[in-house]
Each structure stands twice: as structure tokens, then as C-alpha cells.
Amino acid sequence: MSSTSPDPIADMLSRIRNAILVNKNEIVLPYSKAKEDIANIIQESGFMDKVSSSGKGLEKVLNIRICEENQNARINTIERISKPGQRSYVKVKEIPSIKQGRGIVILSTSKGVMSGSSAKQQNLGGELICKVY
């Protein structure tokens, strides 16, 4: 199971979006630290149930439980903002508010991947990765 996508984060977001469309509650995808960080932020914000990894080396995978069996997903939209061909950077004051604060934006900052609200608290700008609501 390998991902040959030029943009593995966009691939992860598409897999989550597609799983929600067909009412799957769990997905498994190739592991990367960046994907795990993004998934953990989405989970901590209450949009997903569980994020875990299993395996070692090249066999390592990321397991994401979007929602419990027979529950509706809490994610309405999950969208990539910064793309490999067009990066999108913001200063602290430019970090967007998603759906009047009901959604989250995820940034890659000099101190790692974090939600927009965490970046504002730490007075950090960075690259906008995606938005979720």
C-alpha cells in the first residue's frame, strides 16, 4: 500500500472526504509524521474519534477512526489550502477564522504543526495547510 501522490496531505484529506461520502467510519493510509500531526489536531478539535499508528518502517500505517459505527461524521468540509504549486503563508493577524470559530484551520509554523488558535496564542504565522468544519 503506497501513496505516490505528489501531495500526500491532499491525498489524506481526499481519503477522509471519500470515506465520509460512502459512510465508512475508519480509514488506513501510509504513515508520515506530518499526516499524524494533522490528524491529531483534527481529533483534538473534536472532528474525529481516534488516530493511531501501527507497524514499523515501510509497513507503518496511520489508522483514523472518523466516527463511531452508525454515527454521522462531524466533518462537513475538509479542504487543502496550500498546494505544492501555490503555497499560502499568513502572518498572525491574517490567520482566518473558519465558520465564526466553529471550524479550524491548521498551520505549519516554525514550532511545528498546530491549529490556528494555538498559533495565535503563541504569536506565530506560517503556512496554511487545511481547513476543517
N, C-alpha and C. Protein backbone atom coordinates (compact mmCIF):
# COMPACT_ATOMS: atom_id res chain seq x y z
N MET A 1 0.85 -1.18 0.00
CA MET A 1 0.00 0.00 0.00
C MET A 1 0.89 1.23 0.00
N SER A 2 1.06 1.84 -1.14
CA SER A 2 1.92 3.02 -1.20
C SER A 2 1.19 4.19 -1.83
N SER A 3 1.52 5.36 -1.35
CA SER A 3 0.92 6.58 -1.88
C SER A 3 1.94 7.27 -2.78
N THR A 4 1.62 7.36 -4.06
CA THR A 4 2.56 8.01 -4.97
C THR A 4 2.11 9.43 -5.30
N SER A 5 1.21 9.94 -4.50
CA SER A 5 0.70 11.29 -4.71
C SER A 5 1.82 12.31 -4.52
N PRO A 6 1.88 13.34 -5.40
CA PRO A 6 2.89 14.38 -5.20
C PRO A 6 2.59 15.21 -3.95
N ASP A 7 1.34 15.15 -3.47
CA ASP A 7 0.93 15.87 -2.28
C ASP A 7 0.24 14.90 -1.32
N PRO A 8 1.02 14.24 -0.44
CA PRO A 8 0.45 13.23 0.45
C PRO A 8 -0.60 13.78 1.42
N ILE A 9 -0.51 15.06 1.79
CA ILE A 9 -1.51 15.63 2.70
C ILE A 9 -2.84 15.78 1.98
N ALA A 10 -2.81 16.26 0.73
CA ALA A 10 -4.05 16.36 -0.06
C ALA A 10 -4.65 14.97 -0.25
N ASP A 11 -3.78 13.97 -0.45
CA ASP A 11 -4.23 12.58 -0.60
C ASP A 11 -4.96 12.12 0.68
N MET A 12 -4.38 12.44 1.84
CA MET A 12 -5.01 12.06 3.12
C MET A 12 -6.38 12.73 3.26
N LEU A 13 -6.45 14.02 2.97
CA LEU A 13 -7.71 14.76 3.09
C LEU A 13 -8.76 14.20 2.14
N SER A 14 -8.34 13.82 0.93
CA SER A 14 -9.27 13.22 -0.04
C SER A 14 -9.78 11.88 0.45
N ARG A 15 -8.90 11.09 1.05
CA ARG A 15 -9.32 9.78 1.57
C ARG A 15 -10.34 9.95 2.70
N ILE A 16 -10.13 10.95 3.57
CA ILE A 16 -11.09 11.22 4.65
C ILE A 16 -12.42 11.65 4.04
N ARG A 17 -12.36 12.60 3.10
CA ARG A 17 -13.57 13.11 2.43
C ARG A 17 -14.34 11.96 1.76
N ASN A 18 -13.62 11.10 1.02
CA ASN A 18 -14.26 9.98 0.32
C ASN A 18 -14.87 8.98 1.28
N ALA A 19 -14.18 8.71 2.39
CA ALA A 19 -14.70 7.77 3.40
C ALA A 19 -16.01 8.30 3.98
N ILE A 20 -16.07 9.61 4.24
CA ILE A 20 -17.29 10.21 4.78
C ILE A 20 -18.43 10.08 3.76
N LEU A 21 -18.13 10.31 2.48
CA LEU A 21 -19.16 10.23 1.43
C LEU A 21 -19.78 8.85 1.31
N VAL A 22 -18.98 7.80 1.56
CA VAL A 22 -19.52 6.43 1.46
C VAL A 22 -19.82 5.83 2.83
N ASN A 23 -19.90 6.69 3.84
CA ASN A 23 -20.26 6.30 5.22
C ASN A 23 -19.33 5.26 5.84
N LYS A 24 -18.05 5.31 5.47
CA LYS A 24 -17.05 4.47 6.15
C LYS A 24 -16.65 5.20 7.42
N ASN A 25 -16.42 4.46 8.49
CA ASN A 25 -16.05 5.14 9.73
C ASN A 25 -14.57 5.02 10.05
N GLU A 26 -13.82 4.24 9.25
CA GLU A 26 -12.39 4.09 9.51
C GLU A 26 -11.60 4.05 8.19
N ILE A 27 -10.40 4.64 8.21
CA ILE A 27 -9.51 4.54 7.05
C ILE A 27 -8.10 4.21 7.52
N VAL A 28 -7.34 3.60 6.62
CA VAL A 28 -5.94 3.27 6.88
C VAL A 28 -5.14 3.85 5.73
N LEU A 29 -4.06 4.59 6.05
CA LEU A 29 -3.25 5.18 4.99
C LEU A 29 -1.77 5.13 5.36
N PRO A 30 -0.89 5.28 4.37
CA PRO A 30 0.55 5.25 4.64
C PRO A 30 0.92 6.31 5.68
N TYR A 31 1.82 5.95 6.58
CA TYR A 31 2.19 6.83 7.69
C TYR A 31 3.18 7.91 7.28
N SER A 32 2.97 9.09 7.84
CA SER A 32 4.02 10.12 7.86
C SER A 32 3.77 10.97 9.10
N LYS A 33 4.82 11.54 9.65
CA LYS A 33 4.71 12.36 10.86
C LYS A 33 3.78 13.55 10.62
N ALA A 34 3.90 14.18 9.45
CA ALA A 34 3.06 15.35 9.13
C ALA A 34 1.58 14.96 9.12
N LYS A 35 1.26 13.82 8.49
CA LYS A 35 -0.14 13.37 8.43
C LYS A 35 -0.66 13.06 9.83
N GLU A 36 0.19 12.44 10.66
CA GLU A 36 -0.22 12.11 12.02
C GLU A 36 -0.48 13.39 12.82
N ASP A 37 0.39 14.38 12.69
CA ASP A 37 0.21 15.66 13.39
C ASP A 37 -1.11 16.33 12.99
N ILE A 38 -1.38 16.37 11.69
CA ILE A 38 -2.61 17.00 11.19
C ILE A 38 -3.83 16.23 11.70
N ALA A 39 -3.79 14.90 11.61
CA ALA A 39 -4.92 14.08 12.07
C ALA A 39 -5.15 14.27 13.57
N ASN A 40 -4.07 14.36 14.35
CA ASN A 40 -4.21 14.56 15.80
C ASN A 40 -4.87 15.91 16.12
N ILE A 41 -4.53 16.95 15.38
CA ILE A 41 -5.15 18.27 15.61
C ILE A 41 -6.64 18.20 15.28
N ILE A 42 -6.98 17.52 14.20
CA ILE A 42 -8.40 17.38 13.82
C ILE A 42 -9.14 16.60 14.91
N GLN A 43 -8.49 15.56 15.45
CA GLN A 43 -9.11 14.76 16.51
C GLN A 43 -9.27 15.58 17.80
N GLU A 44 -8.22 16.31 18.19
CA GLU A 44 -8.27 17.12 19.41
C GLU A 44 -9.34 18.20 19.33
N SER A 45 -9.65 18.63 18.10
CA SER A 45 -10.68 19.66 17.90
C SER A 45 -12.09 19.06 17.89
N GLY A 46 -12.18 17.74 18.03
CA GLY A 46 -13.47 17.08 18.14
C GLY A 46 -14.11 16.67 16.82
N PHE A 47 -13.36 16.71 15.72
CA PHE A 47 -13.95 16.35 14.43
C PHE A 47 -13.79 14.86 14.09
N MET A 48 -12.88 14.17 14.78
CA MET A 48 -12.67 12.73 14.55
C MET A 48 -12.56 12.02 15.89
N ASP A 49 -12.77 10.69 15.87
CA ASP A 49 -12.74 9.92 17.10
C ASP A 49 -11.35 9.50 17.56
N LYS A 50 -10.57 8.88 16.66
CA LYS A 50 -9.32 8.29 17.12
C LYS A 50 -8.27 8.27 16.01
N VAL A 51 -7.03 8.54 16.40
CA VAL A 51 -5.91 8.47 15.46
C VAL A 51 -4.84 7.60 16.11
N SER A 52 -4.37 6.60 15.38
CA SER A 52 -3.30 5.76 15.91
C SER A 52 -2.43 5.27 14.75
N SER A 53 -1.25 4.78 15.08
CA SER A 53 -0.38 4.24 14.04
C SER A 53 0.02 2.82 14.44
N SER A 54 0.31 2.01 13.44
CA SER A 54 0.75 0.64 13.71
C SER A 54 1.76 0.22 12.65
N GLY A 55 2.54 -0.79 12.98
CA GLY A 55 3.57 -1.28 12.06
C GLY A 55 4.89 -0.58 12.30
N LYS A 56 5.92 -1.02 11.55
CA LYS A 56 7.25 -0.43 11.69
C LYS A 56 7.84 -0.19 10.30
N GLY A 57 8.71 0.79 10.21
CA GLY A 57 9.43 1.06 8.96
C GLY A 57 8.50 1.37 7.81
N LEU A 58 8.74 0.73 6.67
CA LEU A 58 7.92 0.99 5.48
C LEU A 58 6.51 0.44 5.60
N GLU A 59 6.29 -0.47 6.56
CA GLU A 59 4.97 -1.06 6.75
C GLU A 59 4.10 -0.23 7.69
N LYS A 60 4.63 0.86 8.22
CA LYS A 60 3.89 1.67 9.19
C LYS A 60 2.71 2.36 8.52
N VAL A 61 1.55 2.30 9.19
CA VAL A 61 0.34 2.92 8.66
C VAL A 61 -0.33 3.79 9.71
N LEU A 62 -1.15 4.70 9.25
CA LEU A 62 -1.92 5.59 10.12
C LEU A 62 -3.36 5.12 10.07
N ASN A 63 -3.94 4.82 11.25
CA ASN A 63 -5.33 4.39 11.34
C ASN A 63 -6.15 5.56 11.87
N ILE A 64 -7.19 5.93 11.13
CA ILE A 64 -8.04 7.05 11.53
C ILE A 64 -9.47 6.56 11.64
N ARG A 65 -10.06 6.73 12.84
CA ARG A 65 -11.49 6.45 13.01
C ARG A 65 -12.21 7.78 12.95
N ILE A 66 -12.99 7.97 11.91
CA ILE A 66 -13.68 9.24 11.69
C ILE A 66 -14.83 9.39 12.69
N CYS A 67 -15.59 8.33 12.87
CA CYS A 67 -16.71 8.37 13.81
C CYS A 67 -17.04 6.94 14.24
N GLU A 68 -17.88 6.82 15.26
CA GLU A 68 -18.32 5.51 15.72
C GLU A 68 -19.23 4.88 14.67
N GLU A 69 -19.38 3.56 14.75
CA GLU A 69 -20.31 2.83 13.88
C GLU A 69 -21.70 3.45 14.03
N ASN A 70 -22.43 3.59 12.95
CA ASN A 70 -23.80 4.13 12.93
C ASN A 70 -23.92 5.57 13.42
N GLN A 71 -22.84 6.34 13.33
CA GLN A 71 -22.88 7.76 13.67
C GLN A 71 -22.56 8.55 12.42
N ASN A 72 -23.05 9.79 12.37
CA ASN A 72 -22.70 10.66 11.25
C ASN A 72 -21.34 11.30 11.53
N ALA A 73 -20.57 11.51 10.48
CA ALA A 73 -19.28 12.18 10.63
C ALA A 73 -19.50 13.63 11.06
N ARG A 74 -18.57 14.14 11.87
CA ARG A 74 -18.68 15.52 12.34
C ARG A 74 -17.99 16.51 11.39
N ILE A 75 -17.37 15.98 10.35
CA ILE A 75 -16.69 16.83 9.36
C ILE A 75 -17.65 17.09 8.20
N ASN A 76 -17.96 18.34 7.94
CA ASN A 76 -18.76 18.69 6.76
C ASN A 76 -17.85 18.96 5.57
N THR A 77 -16.78 19.69 5.81
CA THR A 77 -15.84 20.05 4.75
C THR A 77 -14.42 19.91 5.28
N ILE A 78 -13.55 19.32 4.48
CA ILE A 78 -12.13 19.25 4.81
C ILE A 78 -11.40 19.59 3.52
N GLU A 79 -10.66 20.70 3.53
CA GLU A 79 -10.11 21.27 2.30
C GLU A 79 -8.65 21.65 2.44
N ARG A 80 -7.85 21.34 1.43
CA ARG A 80 -6.45 21.75 1.37
C ARG A 80 -6.40 23.22 1.00
N ILE A 81 -5.59 24.02 1.68
CA ILE A 81 -5.46 25.44 1.33
C ILE A 81 -4.18 25.66 0.53
N SER A 82 -3.04 25.31 1.14
CA SER A 82 -1.74 25.50 0.49
C SER A 82 -1.43 24.27 -0.36
N LYS A 83 -1.16 24.47 -1.63
CA LYS A 83 -0.87 23.35 -2.53
C LYS A 83 0.61 23.41 -2.94
N PRO A 84 1.19 22.28 -3.38
CA PRO A 84 2.60 22.31 -3.76
C PRO A 84 2.93 23.38 -4.80
N GLY A 85 2.04 23.65 -5.74
CA GLY A 85 2.29 24.66 -6.76
C GLY A 85 1.98 26.08 -6.32
N GLN A 86 1.21 26.20 -5.24
CA GLN A 86 0.83 27.52 -4.76
C GLN A 86 0.73 27.51 -3.23
N ARG A 87 1.83 27.81 -2.61
CA ARG A 87 1.87 27.85 -1.14
C ARG A 87 1.14 29.08 -0.64
N SER A 88 0.54 28.95 0.55
CA SER A 88 -0.22 30.06 1.12
C SER A 88 0.29 30.33 2.54
N TYR A 89 0.97 31.46 2.72
CA TYR A 89 1.54 31.81 4.01
C TYR A 89 0.77 32.98 4.62
N VAL A 90 0.66 33.00 5.95
CA VAL A 90 -0.04 34.10 6.63
C VAL A 90 0.75 34.56 7.85
N LYS A 91 0.56 35.83 8.20
CA LYS A 91 1.08 36.36 9.45
C LYS A 91 0.03 36.11 10.52
N VAL A 92 0.40 36.27 11.78
CA VAL A 92 -0.51 36.01 12.89
C VAL A 92 -1.86 36.71 12.72
N LYS A 93 -1.83 37.98 12.37
CA LYS A 93 -3.07 38.76 12.25
C LYS A 93 -3.92 38.34 11.05
N GLU A 94 -3.35 37.57 10.13
CA GLU A 94 -4.07 37.15 8.93
C GLU A 94 -4.65 35.73 9.03
N ILE A 95 -4.44 35.05 10.16
CA ILE A 95 -4.95 33.69 10.32
C ILE A 95 -6.48 33.75 10.27
N PRO A 96 -7.09 33.02 9.32
CA PRO A 96 -8.54 33.13 9.16
C PRO A 96 -9.33 32.44 10.26
N SER A 97 -10.54 32.94 10.49
CA SER A 97 -11.49 32.30 11.39
C SER A 97 -12.45 31.52 10.49
N ILE A 98 -12.63 30.24 10.75
CA ILE A 98 -13.45 29.39 9.89
C ILE A 98 -14.85 29.23 10.50
N LYS A 99 -15.87 29.59 9.74
CA LYS A 99 -17.27 29.47 10.18
C LYS A 99 -17.50 30.08 11.56
N GLN A 100 -17.10 31.32 11.74
CA GLN A 100 -17.23 32.07 13.01
C GLN A 100 -16.68 31.28 14.20
N GLY A 101 -15.57 30.56 13.97
CA GLY A 101 -14.92 29.84 15.06
C GLY A 101 -15.39 28.41 15.25
N ARG A 102 -16.39 27.98 14.47
CA ARG A 102 -16.86 26.59 14.62
C ARG A 102 -15.95 25.61 13.89
N GLY A 103 -15.14 26.12 12.95
CA GLY A 103 -14.21 25.27 12.23
C GLY A 103 -12.79 25.58 12.68
N ILE A 104 -11.84 24.83 12.12
CA ILE A 104 -10.43 25.07 12.46
C ILE A 104 -9.62 25.22 11.18
N VAL A 105 -8.50 25.92 11.34
CA VAL A 105 -7.52 26.00 10.26
C VAL A 105 -6.24 25.42 10.85
N ILE A 106 -5.50 24.66 10.05
CA ILE A 106 -4.26 24.04 10.53
C ILE A 106 -3.09 24.67 9.80
N LEU A 107 -2.08 25.07 10.58
CA LEU A 107 -0.90 25.74 10.04
C LEU A 107 0.36 24.95 10.33
N SER A 108 1.35 25.12 9.47
CA SER A 108 2.69 24.61 9.72
C SER A 108 3.52 25.83 10.11
N THR A 109 3.98 25.86 11.36
CA THR A 109 4.73 27.01 11.86
C THR A 109 6.17 26.60 12.14
N SER A 110 6.97 27.57 12.59
CA SER A 110 8.36 27.27 12.94
C SER A 110 8.43 26.36 14.18
N LYS A 111 7.34 26.26 14.93
CA LYS A 111 7.30 25.38 16.11
C LYS A 111 6.46 24.14 15.86
N GLY A 112 6.25 23.80 14.60
CA GLY A 112 5.52 22.58 14.26
C GLY A 112 4.11 22.85 13.75
N VAL A 113 3.38 21.77 13.52
CA VAL A 113 2.02 21.86 13.00
C VAL A 113 1.08 22.14 14.17
N MET A 114 0.17 23.11 13.99
CA MET A 114 -0.78 23.44 15.05
C MET A 114 -2.04 24.07 14.48
N SER A 115 -3.06 24.17 15.32
CA SER A 115 -4.31 24.81 14.89
C SER A 115 -4.11 26.32 14.84
N GLY A 116 -4.98 27.00 14.13
CA GLY A 116 -4.90 28.45 14.01
C GLY A 116 -4.99 29.14 15.36
N SER A 117 -5.85 28.63 16.26
CA SER A 117 -5.99 29.27 17.58
C SER A 117 -4.70 29.12 18.41
N SER A 118 -4.06 27.96 18.32
CA SER A 118 -2.79 27.75 19.04
C SER A 118 -1.71 28.67 18.48
N ALA A 119 -1.68 28.82 17.16
CA ALA A 119 -0.69 29.69 16.52
C ALA A 119 -0.90 31.14 16.96
N LYS A 120 -2.17 31.57 17.05
CA LYS A 120 -2.47 32.94 17.50
C LYS A 120 -1.99 33.14 18.94
N GLN A 121 -2.25 32.14 19.80
CA GLN A 121 -1.84 32.24 21.20
C GLN A 121 -0.32 32.36 21.33
N GLN A 122 0.40 31.65 20.46
CA GLN A 122 1.87 31.68 20.51
C GLN A 122 2.46 32.77 19.61
N ASN A 123 1.58 33.57 19.01
CA ASN A 123 2.00 34.69 18.16
C ASN A 123 2.87 34.21 16.98
N LEU A 124 2.39 33.15 16.30
CA LEU A 124 3.13 32.58 15.17
C LEU A 124 2.31 32.60 13.89
N GLY A 125 2.94 32.92 12.79
CA GLY A 125 2.31 32.78 11.49
C GLY A 125 2.87 31.52 10.85
N GLY A 126 2.49 31.24 9.63
CA GLY A 126 3.04 30.07 8.96
C GLY A 126 2.29 29.74 7.69
N GLU A 127 2.47 28.50 7.23
CA GLU A 127 1.82 28.05 6.01
C GLU A 127 0.46 27.44 6.35
N LEU A 128 -0.59 27.90 5.68
CA LEU A 128 -1.93 27.35 5.89
C LEU A 128 -1.99 25.99 5.21
N ILE A 129 -2.24 24.94 5.99
CA ILE A 129 -2.29 23.60 5.41
C ILE A 129 -3.70 23.25 4.94
N CYS A 130 -4.67 23.34 5.87
CA CYS A 130 -6.04 22.97 5.50
C CYS A 130 -7.04 23.59 6.46
N LYS A 131 -8.32 23.51 6.06
CA LYS A 131 -9.39 23.96 6.96
C LYS A 131 -10.40 22.84 7.11
N VAL A 132 -11.01 22.77 8.30
CA VAL A 132 -11.96 21.71 8.61
C VAL A 132 -13.15 22.34 9.31
N TYR A 133 -14.35 21.97 8.89
CA TYR A 133 -15.55 22.35 9.63
C TYR A 133 -16.67 21.40 9.34
